């Protein structure tokens, strides 16, 4: 079940540019805001556990198309303590932790695993490379992904989509549960054709059994 987010929550309140400026000009105020968001997130985790949920999912996009949005030192300073504490709470309650984070986040993936993340959800992978993702976190994090929504699902043929699914299973899916397939939730907004979605789903079913 979704929970309130930290990075997304802070920049939704402040604006993205103002939030990053605050890292340098008003760090104490920013840390206080993030701490309040983290406290609200912990309350969400407890309430979701109380109604029987098995896991929680946050949404924090940390990547641009070709690089991290900010330096790792800022994530470590402002967000790491809350990720660690809140994900530990979820684990202590017997819940898995899932996180959506798109963009280029290769350097962040090992940290997310170390802080307690179980599953990373990414709608795009080709800007990082399936093999690079596998090298960074294969067998440590499970990946919940469709075929890359910005490239192959847009410009690829049906055969390209089937071949990409094979590659996903051969890399991310080679770790006994390392890949969870999905379809993009609002395909009409990014011009995904029905026949391409059908080809992707059929390929996941066919090749996943092998």
Protein backbone atom coordinates (compact mmCIF):
# COMPACT_ATOMS: atom_id res chain seq x y z
CA UNK A 1 0.00 0.00 0.00
CA UNK A 2 1.25 3.55 -0.73
CA UNK A 3 2.72 5.64 2.05
CA UNK A 4 3.60 9.33 2.19
CA UNK A 5 6.96 10.07 0.56
CA UNK A 6 9.98 11.97 1.82
CA UNK A 7 11.78 13.51 -1.14
CA UNK A 8 8.58 13.90 -3.16
CA UNK A 9 6.77 15.26 -0.13
CA UNK A 10 9.41 17.87 0.61
CA UNK A 11 9.67 19.22 -2.92
CA UNK A 12 5.91 19.16 -3.41
CA UNK A 13 5.67 21.51 -0.43
CA UNK A 14 8.67 23.72 -1.20
CA UNK A 15 9.22 23.36 -4.92
CA UNK A 16 12.14 21.35 -6.24
CA UNK A 17 14.60 24.23 -6.71
CA UNK A 18 13.80 25.77 -3.33
CA UNK A 19 14.23 22.42 -1.61
CA UNK A 20 17.70 21.92 -3.06
CA UNK A 21 18.70 25.49 -2.21
CA UNK A 22 17.50 24.85 1.35
CA UNK A 23 20.02 22.00 1.65
CA UNK A 24 22.70 24.72 1.77
CA UNK A 25 20.93 27.84 3.00
CA UNK A 26 18.44 26.43 5.52
CA UNK A 27 19.59 22.89 6.32
CA UNK A 28 18.14 22.80 9.82
CA UNK A 29 14.70 23.90 8.66
CA UNK A 30 14.76 21.40 5.82
CA UNK A 31 15.80 18.60 8.15
CA UNK A 32 12.94 19.52 10.48
CA UNK A 33 10.46 19.35 7.59
CA UNK A 34 11.76 15.98 6.41
CA UNK A 35 11.61 14.68 9.98
CA UNK A 36 7.91 15.63 10.16
CA UNK A 37 7.25 13.87 6.86
CA UNK A 38 9.12 10.82 8.17
CA UNK A 39 7.01 10.80 11.33
CA UNK A 40 3.86 10.87 9.20
CA UNK A 41 5.27 8.01 7.14
CA UNK A 42 5.85 5.92 10.27
CA UNK A 43 2.26 6.50 11.32
CA UNK A 44 1.13 5.33 7.88
CA UNK A 45 3.25 2.19 8.22
CA UNK A 46 1.74 1.39 11.62
CA UNK A 47 -1.82 1.96 10.39
CA UNK A 48 -1.30 -0.16 7.29
CA UNK A 49 0.13 -2.95 9.42
CA UNK A 50 -2.88 -2.72 11.73
CA UNK A 51 -5.29 -3.38 8.85
CA UNK A 52 -3.29 -6.37 7.61
CA UNK A 53 -1.10 -5.04 4.80
CA UNK A 54 1.97 -7.12 3.96
CA UNK A 55 4.05 -4.28 2.53
CA UNK A 56 4.37 -0.55 1.95
CA UNK A 57 5.45 1.47 -1.07
CA UNK A 58 6.92 4.95 -1.35
CA UNK A 59 7.54 7.21 -4.35
CA UNK A 60 10.80 9.19 -4.57
CA UNK A 61 12.25 9.93 -8.01
CA UNK A 62 15.97 10.55 -7.53
CA UNK A 63 17.22 10.42 -11.12
CA UNK A 64 17.39 12.56 -14.21
CA UNK A 65 17.66 10.89 -17.59
CA UNK A 66 21.42 10.38 -17.44
CA UNK A 67 22.58 11.11 -13.89
CA UNK A 68 21.50 11.48 -10.29
CA UNK A 69 19.41 14.53 -9.44
CA UNK A 70 21.71 15.46 -6.53
CA UNK A 71 24.95 14.25 -4.99
CA UNK A 72 24.87 11.17 -2.83
CA UNK A 73 26.18 13.20 0.11
CA UNK A 74 22.94 15.18 0.27
CA UNK A 75 20.80 12.04 0.19
CA UNK A 76 22.96 10.55 2.94
CA UNK A 77 22.69 13.64 5.11
CA UNK A 78 19.03 14.55 4.73
CA UNK A 79 17.21 11.31 3.88
CA UNK A 80 19.25 8.23 4.79
CA UNK A 81 18.46 8.24 8.55
CA UNK A 82 14.73 8.32 7.84
CA UNK A 83 14.84 5.66 5.15
CA UNK A 84 16.75 3.38 7.51
CA UNK A 85 14.51 3.99 10.52
CA UNK A 86 11.20 3.76 8.67
CA UNK A 87 12.11 0.72 6.63
CA UNK A 88 13.36 -0.99 9.79
CA UNK A 89 9.99 -0.27 11.41
CA UNK A 90 8.23 -1.87 8.44
CA UNK A 91 10.48 -4.93 8.65
CA UNK A 92 9.99 -5.19 12.41
CA UNK A 93 6.25 -5.32 11.71
CA UNK A 94 6.76 -8.09 9.15
CA UNK A 95 6.23 -5.90 6.09
CA UNK A 96 8.21 -5.66 2.85
CA UNK A 97 9.30 -2.25 1.53
CA UNK A 98 8.86 -1.19 -2.09
CA UNK A 99 10.00 2.10 -3.64
CA UNK A 100 9.28 3.73 -6.99
CA UNK A 101 12.28 5.71 -8.19
CA UNK A 102 12.77 6.46 -11.87
CA UNK A 103 15.60 8.07 -13.76
CA UNK A 104 19.28 7.18 -13.60
CA UNK A 105 19.84 5.93 -10.04
CA UNK A 106 22.54 3.30 -10.47
CA UNK A 107 24.79 4.77 -7.73
CA UNK A 108 21.87 4.82 -5.30
CA UNK A 109 20.74 1.21 -5.68
CA UNK A 110 23.36 -0.42 -3.41
CA UNK A 111 22.59 2.16 -0.73
CA UNK A 112 18.85 1.52 -0.95
CA UNK A 113 19.50 -2.17 -0.43
CA UNK A 114 21.78 -1.46 2.53
CA UNK A 115 19.13 0.78 4.10
CA UNK A 116 16.52 -1.97 3.94
CA UNK A 117 14.68 -1.71 0.63
CA UNK A 118 13.25 -4.96 -0.78
CA UNK A 119 11.81 -3.99 -4.17
CA UNK A 120 12.61 -1.14 -6.57
CA UNK A 121 9.98 -0.15 -9.13
CA UNK A 122 11.31 1.43 -12.32
CA UNK A 123 9.41 2.24 -15.49
CA UNK A 124 12.59 2.94 -17.47
CA UNK A 125 15.74 0.87 -17.54
CA UNK A 126 17.41 1.53 -20.89
CA UNK A 127 18.93 4.81 -19.70
CA UNK A 128 20.90 2.73 -17.18
CA UNK A 129 21.23 -0.62 -18.95
CA UNK A 130 19.77 -3.92 -17.82
CA UNK A 131 23.21 -5.42 -17.29
CA UNK A 132 24.31 -2.41 -15.23
CA UNK A 133 21.19 -2.63 -13.08
CA UNK A 134 21.84 -6.31 -12.54
CA UNK A 135 25.47 -5.64 -11.58
CA UNK A 136 24.43 -2.91 -9.14
CA UNK A 137 21.63 -4.71 -7.31
CA UNK A 138 20.70 -8.01 -8.96
CA UNK A 139 19.97 -10.62 -6.32
CA UNK A 140 19.81 -7.91 -3.66
CA UNK A 141 16.79 -5.91 -4.75
CA UNK A 142 13.85 -7.29 -6.68
CA UNK A 143 12.90 -5.17 -9.71
CA UNK A 144 9.22 -4.47 -10.47
CA UNK A 145 9.25 -3.28 -14.07
CA UNK A 146 7.49 -3.14 -17.41
CA UNK A 147 9.41 -3.05 -20.65
CA UNK A 148 11.08 0.37 -20.78
CA UNK A 149 8.22 2.83 -21.22
CA UNK A 150 10.22 5.61 -22.90
CA UNK A 151 12.09 3.64 -25.55
CA UNK A 152 11.26 0.06 -26.53
CA UNK A 153 7.55 0.34 -25.74
CA UNK A 154 7.40 3.49 -27.89
CA UNK A 155 9.79 2.89 -30.79
CA UNK A 156 10.29 -0.88 -30.71
CA UNK A 157 8.54 -3.47 -32.82
CA UNK A 158 6.61 -6.38 -31.34
CA UNK A 159 9.70 -8.53 -31.86
CA UNK A 160 11.84 -5.89 -30.09
CA UNK A 161 9.48 -6.00 -27.12
CA UNK A 162 9.63 -9.79 -26.92
CA UNK A 163 13.44 -9.70 -27.16
CA UNK A 164 13.62 -7.08 -24.40
CA UNK A 165 11.48 -9.22 -22.11
CA UNK A 166 13.90 -12.10 -22.70
CA UNK A 167 16.80 -9.85 -21.69
CA UNK A 168 14.98 -8.68 -18.57
CA UNK A 169 14.38 -12.27 -17.48
CA UNK A 170 17.96 -13.31 -18.31
CA UNK A 171 19.41 -10.47 -16.23
CA UNK A 172 17.16 -9.09 -13.50
CA UNK A 173 15.01 -12.23 -13.41
CA UNK A 174 17.89 -14.67 -12.96
CA UNK A 175 17.96 -14.35 -9.16
CA UNK A 176 15.00 -16.48 -8.05
CA UNK A 177 12.40 -13.78 -7.76
CA UNK A 178 14.50 -10.82 -8.91
CA UNK A 179 11.98 -9.58 -11.47
CA UNK A 180 8.28 -8.84 -11.01
CA UNK A 181 6.57 -7.98 -14.29
CA UNK A 182 4.06 -5.19 -14.66
CA UNK A 183 2.35 -2.98 -17.24
CA UNK A 184 2.41 0.82 -17.06
CA UNK A 185 -0.71 1.98 -15.25
CA UNK A 186 -1.74 4.79 -17.64
CA UNK A 187 -0.49 3.66 -21.09
CA UNK A 188 -2.77 6.04 -22.97
CA UNK A 189 -0.86 9.04 -21.58
CA UNK A 190 2.42 7.94 -23.17
CA UNK A 191 1.06 6.46 -26.41
CA UNK A 192 1.53 2.76 -25.65
CA UNK A 193 -0.33 0.82 -28.31
CA UNK A 194 -2.66 -2.02 -27.19
CA UNK A 195 -0.89 -4.53 -29.44
CA UNK A 196 2.45 -3.69 -27.83
CA UNK A 197 1.05 -4.08 -24.32
CA UNK A 198 -0.42 -7.43 -25.34
CA UNK A 199 2.93 -8.55 -26.78
CA UNK A 200 4.74 -7.57 -23.58
CA UNK A 201 2.28 -9.39 -21.31
CA UNK A 202 2.33 -12.50 -23.49
CA UNK A 203 6.14 -12.53 -23.50
CA UNK A 204 6.31 -12.23 -19.71
CA UNK A 205 3.93 -15.17 -19.39
CA UNK A 206 5.72 -17.28 -21.98
CA UNK A 207 9.35 -16.64 -21.10
CA UNK A 208 8.73 -16.34 -17.38
CA UNK A 209 7.67 -19.97 -17.25
CA UNK A 210 11.01 -21.00 -18.71
